[in-house]
Protein backbone atom coordinates (compact mmCIF):
# COMPACT_ATOMS: atom_id res chain seq x y z
CA UNK A 1 -0.39 -0.11 0.26
CA UNK A 2 1.42 3.79 -0.82
CA UNK A 3 2.09 5.56 2.23
CA UNK A 4 0.97 9.10 1.62
CA UNK A 5 3.41 11.73 3.39
CA UNK A 6 1.24 13.37 6.34
CA UNK A 7 1.37 17.16 6.86
CA UNK A 8 4.14 18.55 8.92
CA UNK A 9 2.27 19.89 12.43
CA UNK A 10 2.80 22.48 14.80
CA UNK A 11 1.05 23.17 18.32
CA UNK A 12 0.65 26.81 19.44
CA UNK A 13 -0.39 27.71 22.85
CA UNK A 14 -1.28 30.34 24.70
CA UNK A 15 -3.71 33.42 24.68
CA UNK A 16 -6.63 34.15 22.24
CA UNK A 17 -8.48 36.95 22.39
CA UNK A 18 -10.54 39.81 21.17
CA UNK A 19 -8.71 42.94 20.01
CA UNK A 20 -10.83 46.21 20.61
CA UNK A 21 -9.09 48.43 17.96
CA UNK A 22 -9.99 51.93 16.81
CA UNK A 23 -11.26 50.26 13.31
CA UNK A 24 -13.47 47.60 15.00
CA UNK A 25 -13.09 44.18 16.56
CA UNK A 26 -10.94 41.73 15.74
CA UNK A 27 -9.98 38.05 16.99
CA UNK A 28 -5.95 38.12 18.05
CA UNK A 29 -3.67 36.87 19.80
CA UNK A 30 0.10 35.59 18.87
CA UNK A 31 -0.75 31.63 19.03
CA UNK A 32 -4.01 32.23 17.59
CA UNK A 33 -2.32 34.47 14.69
CA UNK A 34 0.91 31.97 14.03
CA UNK A 35 -1.69 28.77 13.70
CA UNK A 36 -3.61 30.76 11.30
CA UNK A 37 -0.81 31.29 9.14
CA UNK A 38 0.43 27.57 9.54
CA UNK A 39 -3.20 26.74 8.59
CA UNK A 40 -3.09 28.32 5.52
CA UNK A 41 0.55 27.59 4.29
CA UNK A 42 -0.50 23.96 4.24
CA UNK A 43 0.28 23.02 8.06
CA UNK A 44 -1.32 21.20 10.68
CA UNK A 45 -1.65 23.45 13.11
CA UNK A 46 -3.29 22.62 16.65
CA UNK A 47 -4.20 25.64 19.08
CA UNK A 48 -4.12 25.08 22.87
CA UNK A 49 -5.64 28.11 24.76
CA UNK A 50 -9.11 28.88 27.29
CA UNK A 51 -12.25 30.85 26.21
CA UNK A 52 -14.97 31.48 28.91
CA UNK A 53 -18.16 29.91 28.86
CA UNK A 54 -19.51 33.34 27.55
CA UNK A 55 -20.69 35.33 24.02
CA UNK A 56 -17.33 36.42 23.55
CA UNK A 57 -15.92 33.16 24.13
CA UNK A 58 -18.67 31.65 21.25
CA UNK A 59 -17.42 34.28 18.82
CA UNK A 60 -14.09 33.23 18.85
CA UNK A 61 -15.03 29.86 18.06
CA UNK A 62 -17.00 30.63 15.55
CA UNK A 63 -14.73 32.61 13.54
CA UNK A 64 -11.98 29.81 14.72
CA UNK A 65 -14.35 27.40 12.54
CA UNK A 66 -15.00 29.74 9.85
CA UNK A 67 -11.14 30.24 9.47
CA UNK A 68 -10.42 26.76 9.42
CA UNK A 69 -9.01 26.27 12.57
CA UNK A 70 -9.28 23.13 15.02
CA UNK A 71 -11.28 24.48 18.29
CA UNK A 72 -11.16 20.57 20.05
CA UNK A 73 -7.80 21.55 22.27
CA UNK A 74 -9.59 24.96 23.27
CA UNK A 75 -10.65 24.78 26.55
CA UNK A 76 -14.22 26.30 28.24
CA UNK A 77 -13.43 28.27 31.51
CA UNK A 78 -16.33 28.49 33.71
CA UNK A 79 -15.45 31.24 35.66
CA UNK A 80 -12.72 33.27 33.65
CA UNK A 81 -14.22 35.72 31.68
CA UNK A 82 -12.99 35.17 27.56
CA UNK A 83 -9.85 38.00 26.90
CA UNK A 84 -10.96 41.13 25.94
CA UNK A 85 -7.73 43.75 24.80
CA UNK A 86 -7.55 47.77 24.41
CA UNK A 87 -5.36 48.03 21.79
CA UNK A 88 -4.35 51.46 19.88
CA UNK A 89 -2.36 52.31 16.86
CA UNK A 90 0.10 55.10 17.10
CA UNK A 91 -0.52 57.15 13.66
CA UNK A 92 3.57 58.22 12.86
CA UNK A 93 4.42 54.64 12.97
CA UNK A 94 1.66 52.33 12.93
CA UNK A 95 3.11 50.59 16.42
CA UNK A 96 0.28 49.01 18.13
CA UNK A 97 -0.12 49.31 22.56
CA UNK A 98 -2.01 46.76 24.01
CA UNK A 99 -4.02 47.12 27.59
CA UNK A 100 -4.45 43.51 28.56
CA UNK A 101 -7.05 42.87 31.78
CA UNK A 102 -6.02 39.93 33.86
CA UNK A 103 -6.75 37.10 34.74
CA UNK A 104 -8.81 35.63 32.14
CA UNK A 105 -9.19 32.41 30.38
CA UNK A 106 -6.16 31.87 28.86
CA UNK A 107 -4.31 32.41 32.36
CA UNK A 108 -6.17 29.03 33.33
CA UNK A 109 -5.21 26.75 30.65
CA UNK A 110 -5.03 23.08 31.94
CA UNK A 111 -2.51 19.97 31.48
CA UNK A 112 -4.64 17.56 29.68
CA UNK A 113 -2.84 13.92 29.30
CA UNK A 114 -3.41 14.02 25.59
CA UNK A 115 -1.18 16.83 25.28
CA UNK A 116 1.91 14.38 25.54
CA UNK A 117 0.92 12.36 22.59
CA UNK A 118 0.47 15.65 20.60
CA UNK A 119 3.68 17.43 21.46
CA UNK A 120 5.75 13.98 20.60
CA UNK A 121 4.16 13.97 17.27
CA UNK A 122 4.57 17.50 16.59
CA UNK A 123 7.80 18.90 14.15
CA UNK A 124 7.10 22.32 16.22
CA UNK A 125 5.79 23.62 19.53
CA UNK A 126 5.43 27.57 19.31
CA UNK A 127 4.79 29.77 23.15
CA UNK A 128 5.28 33.04 24.73
CA UNK A 129 5.60 34.99 27.43
CA UNK A 130 2.11 35.95 27.90
CA UNK A 131 0.74 32.82 28.16
CA UNK A 132 3.49 32.65 31.10
CA UNK A 133 1.75 35.58 33.27
CA UNK A 134 0.50 33.18 35.48
CA UNK A 135 1.00 29.99 37.29
CA UNK A 136 -1.72 27.96 36.30
CA UNK A 137 -0.95 28.16 32.34
CA UNK A 138 2.52 28.81 33.25
CA UNK A 139 2.88 25.26 35.12
CA UNK A 140 1.37 23.54 32.03
CA UNK A 141 3.37 25.11 29.56
CA UNK A 142 6.27 24.35 31.74
CA UNK A 143 4.95 20.29 31.89
CA UNK A 144 4.44 20.85 27.33
CA UNK A 145 8.35 22.15 26.96
CA UNK A 146 9.14 18.66 28.60
CA UNK A 147 7.41 17.03 25.59
CA UNK A 148 8.74 18.79 23.15
CA UNK A 149 10.77 18.17 20.75
CA UNK A 150 11.41 22.03 18.69
CA UNK A 151 10.45 24.57 21.36
CA UNK A 152 10.37 27.77 19.71
CA UNK A 153 9.91 30.90 21.66
CA UNK A 154 7.64 33.81 20.13
CA UNK A 155 9.04 36.14 22.61
CA UNK A 156 6.77 38.96 22.36
CA UNK A 157 6.76 40.88 25.70
CA UNK A 158 3.85 42.81 27.07
CA UNK A 159 4.86 44.99 29.92
CA UNK A 160 3.94 44.36 32.87
CA UNK A 161 3.08 40.79 31.81
CA UNK A 162 6.07 38.85 32.11
CA UNK A 163 9.28 38.71 34.82
CA UNK A 164 12.99 38.22 34.07
CA UNK A 165 12.51 35.06 36.05
CA UNK A 166 10.22 33.15 33.61
CA UNK A 167 11.43 34.43 30.82
CA UNK A 168 14.99 33.25 31.63
CA UNK A 169 13.21 29.69 32.65
CA UNK A 170 11.47 29.77 29.16
CA UNK A 171 15.34 30.30 27.51
CA UNK A 172 16.33 27.46 29.33
CA UNK A 173 13.90 25.88 27.57
CA UNK A 174 14.20 27.08 24.17
CA UNK A 175 15.50 25.72 20.71
CA UNK A 176 14.80 29.04 18.79
CA UNK A 177 14.03 32.08 19.94
CA UNK A 178 12.40 34.95 18.05
CA UNK A 179 12.08 38.60 19.09
CA UNK A 180 12.10 42.02 17.43
CA UNK A 181 15.81 44.07 18.12
CA UNK A 182 14.21 45.77 21.30
CA UNK A 183 13.76 42.75 23.29
CA UNK A 184 17.11 41.52 22.40
CA UNK A 185 18.36 44.48 23.91
CA UNK A 186 16.15 44.55 26.94
CA UNK A 187 17.10 40.83 27.23
CA UNK A 188 20.73 40.79 26.82
CA UNK A 189 21.30 43.85 29.03
CA UNK A 190 19.92 41.91 31.99
CA UNK A 191 23.05 38.92 31.83
CA UNK A 192 25.29 41.86 30.36
CA UNK A 193 24.69 45.56 30.84
CA UNK A 194 27.08 46.90 28.33
CA UNK A 195 25.48 44.83 25.41
CA UNK A 196 24.56 47.52 22.75
CA UNK A 197 25.31 45.60 19.59
CA UNK A 198 23.17 43.15 17.73
CA UNK A 199 25.51 40.67 17.39
CA UNK A 200 26.67 40.87 20.68
CA UNK A 201 23.79 40.41 22.30
CA UNK A 202 22.41 37.54 20.18
CA UNK A 203 25.92 36.26 21.79
CA UNK A 204 25.06 36.88 24.98
CA UNK A 205 22.28 34.40 24.33
CA UNK A 206 24.60 31.79 22.90
CA UNK A 207 26.72 31.47 26.07
CA UNK A 208 24.09 31.73 28.58
CA UNK A 209 21.73 29.33 26.92
CA UNK A 210 21.44 26.60 25.01
CA UNK A 211 19.82 27.82 21.96
CA UNK A 212 20.28 27.12 18.59
CA UNK A 213 18.75 29.57 16.69
CA UNK A 214 17.66 33.25 17.34
CA UNK A 215 15.27 35.48 14.89
CA UNK A 216 15.16 38.83 14.60
CA UNK A 217 12.54 40.80 13.26
CA UNK A 218 13.47 44.16 12.25
CA UNK A 219 10.10 46.09 10.97
CA UNK A 220 11.27 48.25 7.45
CA UNK A 221 14.71 46.84 8.06
CA UNK A 222 14.28 43.37 7.37
CA UNK A 223 14.99 40.08 9.34
CA UNK A 224 18.64 38.68 10.48
CA UNK A 225 19.30 34.43 11.25
CA UNK A 226 21.60 33.44 13.78
CA UNK A 227 23.41 30.39 14.97
CA UNK A 228 26.45 30.41 17.06
CA UNK A 229 28.24 29.76 13.68
CA UNK A 230 26.74 31.89 11.61
CA UNK A 231 24.53 35.30 10.28
CA UNK A 232 21.86 35.90 7.04
CA UNK A 233 20.78 39.65 6.44
CA UNK A 234 17.67 39.86 4.45
CA UNK A 235 16.10 43.09 3.78
CA UNK A 236 12.49 44.07 3.71
CA UNK A 237 9.90 44.03 1.39
CA UNK A 238 8.69 47.91 0.52
CA UNK A 239 4.83 48.17 0.74
CA UNK A 240 2.00 50.84 1.96
CA UNK A 241 1.36 50.20 5.74
CA UNK A 242 -2.48 49.18 6.77
CA UNK A 243 -1.70 48.23 10.47
CA UNK A 244 1.30 46.01 11.69
CA UNK A 245 -0.59 43.75 13.82
CA UNK A 246 0.35 40.31 13.28
CA UNK A 247 2.81 41.12 11.00
CA UNK A 248 5.36 39.48 13.31
CA UNK A 249 2.84 35.90 13.83
CA UNK A 250 2.47 35.85 10.38
CA UNK A 251 6.72 35.94 9.56
CA UNK A 252 7.53 33.61 12.03
CA UNK A 253 4.49 31.01 10.63
CA UNK A 254 6.45 31.47 7.14
CA UNK A 255 9.66 30.76 8.25
CA UNK A 256 8.30 27.70 10.45
CA UNK A 257 6.45 26.02 7.21
CA UNK A 258 9.73 26.56 4.78
CA UNK A 259 12.03 25.44 7.55
CA UNK A 260 10.08 22.40 8.55
CA UNK A 261 9.81 21.78 4.92
CA UNK A 262 14.15 21.63 4.82
CA UNK A 263 14.24 24.70 2.77
CA UNK A 264 17.58 26.84 3.23
CA UNK A 265 17.74 29.39 5.19
CA UNK A 266 17.87 32.10 2.11
CA UNK A 267 14.69 30.90 1.03
CA UNK A 268 12.90 30.45 4.48
CA UNK A 269 14.17 34.26 5.07
CA UNK A 270 12.80 35.66 1.61
CA UNK A 271 9.67 34.11 2.04
CA UNK A 272 9.35 34.99 5.95
CA UNK A 273 9.98 38.68 5.07
CA UNK A 274 7.36 38.21 2.21
CA UNK A 275 5.04 37.29 4.33
CA UNK A 276 5.57 40.32 7.13
CA UNK A 277 4.98 42.60 4.58
CA UNK A 278 2.11 40.67 2.87
CA UNK A 279 0.12 40.85 5.75
CA UNK A 280 1.35 44.73 6.69
CA UNK A 281 -0.14 45.62 3.64
CA UNK A 282 -3.54 44.55 4.88
CA UNK A 283 -5.65 45.55 7.59
CA UNK A 284 -5.82 43.37 10.76
CA UNK A 285 -3.42 40.11 11.84
CA UNK A 286 -6.04 37.12 10.09
CA UNK A 287 -7.06 38.57 6.23
CA UNK A 288 -8.57 36.47 3.95
CA UNK A 289 -6.08 34.60 1.30
CA UNK A 290 -4.56 31.90 -0.20
CA UNK A 291 -0.91 30.79 -0.68
CA UNK A 292 -1.14 31.82 -3.77
CA UNK A 293 -2.32 35.34 -2.66
CA UNK A 294 0.80 35.68 -1.27
CA UNK A 295 3.21 33.83 -3.87
CA UNK A 296 2.08 36.38 -6.54
CA UNK A 297 2.55 38.88 -3.55
CA UNK A 298 6.16 38.13 -3.93
CA UNK A 299 6.20 36.86 -7.45
CA UNK A 300 5.14 40.66 -8.79
CA UNK A 301 7.82 42.71 -6.11
CA UNK A 302 10.61 40.94 -7.35
CA UNK A 303 9.92 41.96 -11.01
CA UNK A 304 8.69 45.57 -9.58
CA UNK A 305 5.47 45.46 -10.59
CA UNK A 306 2.98 47.92 -8.89
CA UNK A 307 -0.61 47.66 -8.10
CA UNK A 308 -3.06 50.52 -9.28
CA UNK A 309 -3.87 53.28 -7.18
């Protein structure tokens, strides 16, 4: 009998929520965004989180069903509400700031016995900082890390919802760390206050932790990928910015899709940077699109073809 090659699978853990933006209310949360884009790119993505037993939670579940994300691992918390976040966009630089309420349902994600098999079978496990702010979800996350093959730490620092102690513990367990330039500087200076140059700050992480890869997003400056022996810089694609919400999450999803497909680093970074630009040029973190739309966008950018105004 002919064996069918199974899809690459990625498990994403953490917050799911409603972003209340000046332009309206949109589903959000970095793990959900990553899972959405992985699904769009043809990977099997599993989302582990929690919602409240309320109308907002039902609406989120409806959105997941609409976009094709599995919901069987999203827990329903009877005591805590679905997360609502007040997001505001700076009109000068398009950066987004968030007011994140606590506690909410995803602060209380419980360990389930079936997580062990799920994680053992997955090619990657994606997690962030925010979901580790509460001891319940944090303990679940720590247990999940013990059963994961390839641990991807998507840093996403949101003050005041993190501590050096927890970040340190998560870095100790990470294979790859994805963060932006300001997050890199902040974390590296905990261990070496004189560190200001990017390469030196990355070296601090490699020396202190057993990390294999560091991936740095730089917005309009592109991205840089490091291993202990190798550095690769890739420029950004120029686009008209609609908003930056979820661009880093889409970047990570595209990077993982290529990396897990054993593509060379230059192709992997090109695809990831293009995805970040593609999402930045549209409103919201999870716009409707197909893989063909993304690849057409890349083709047109490379040929210098501009859409009519």
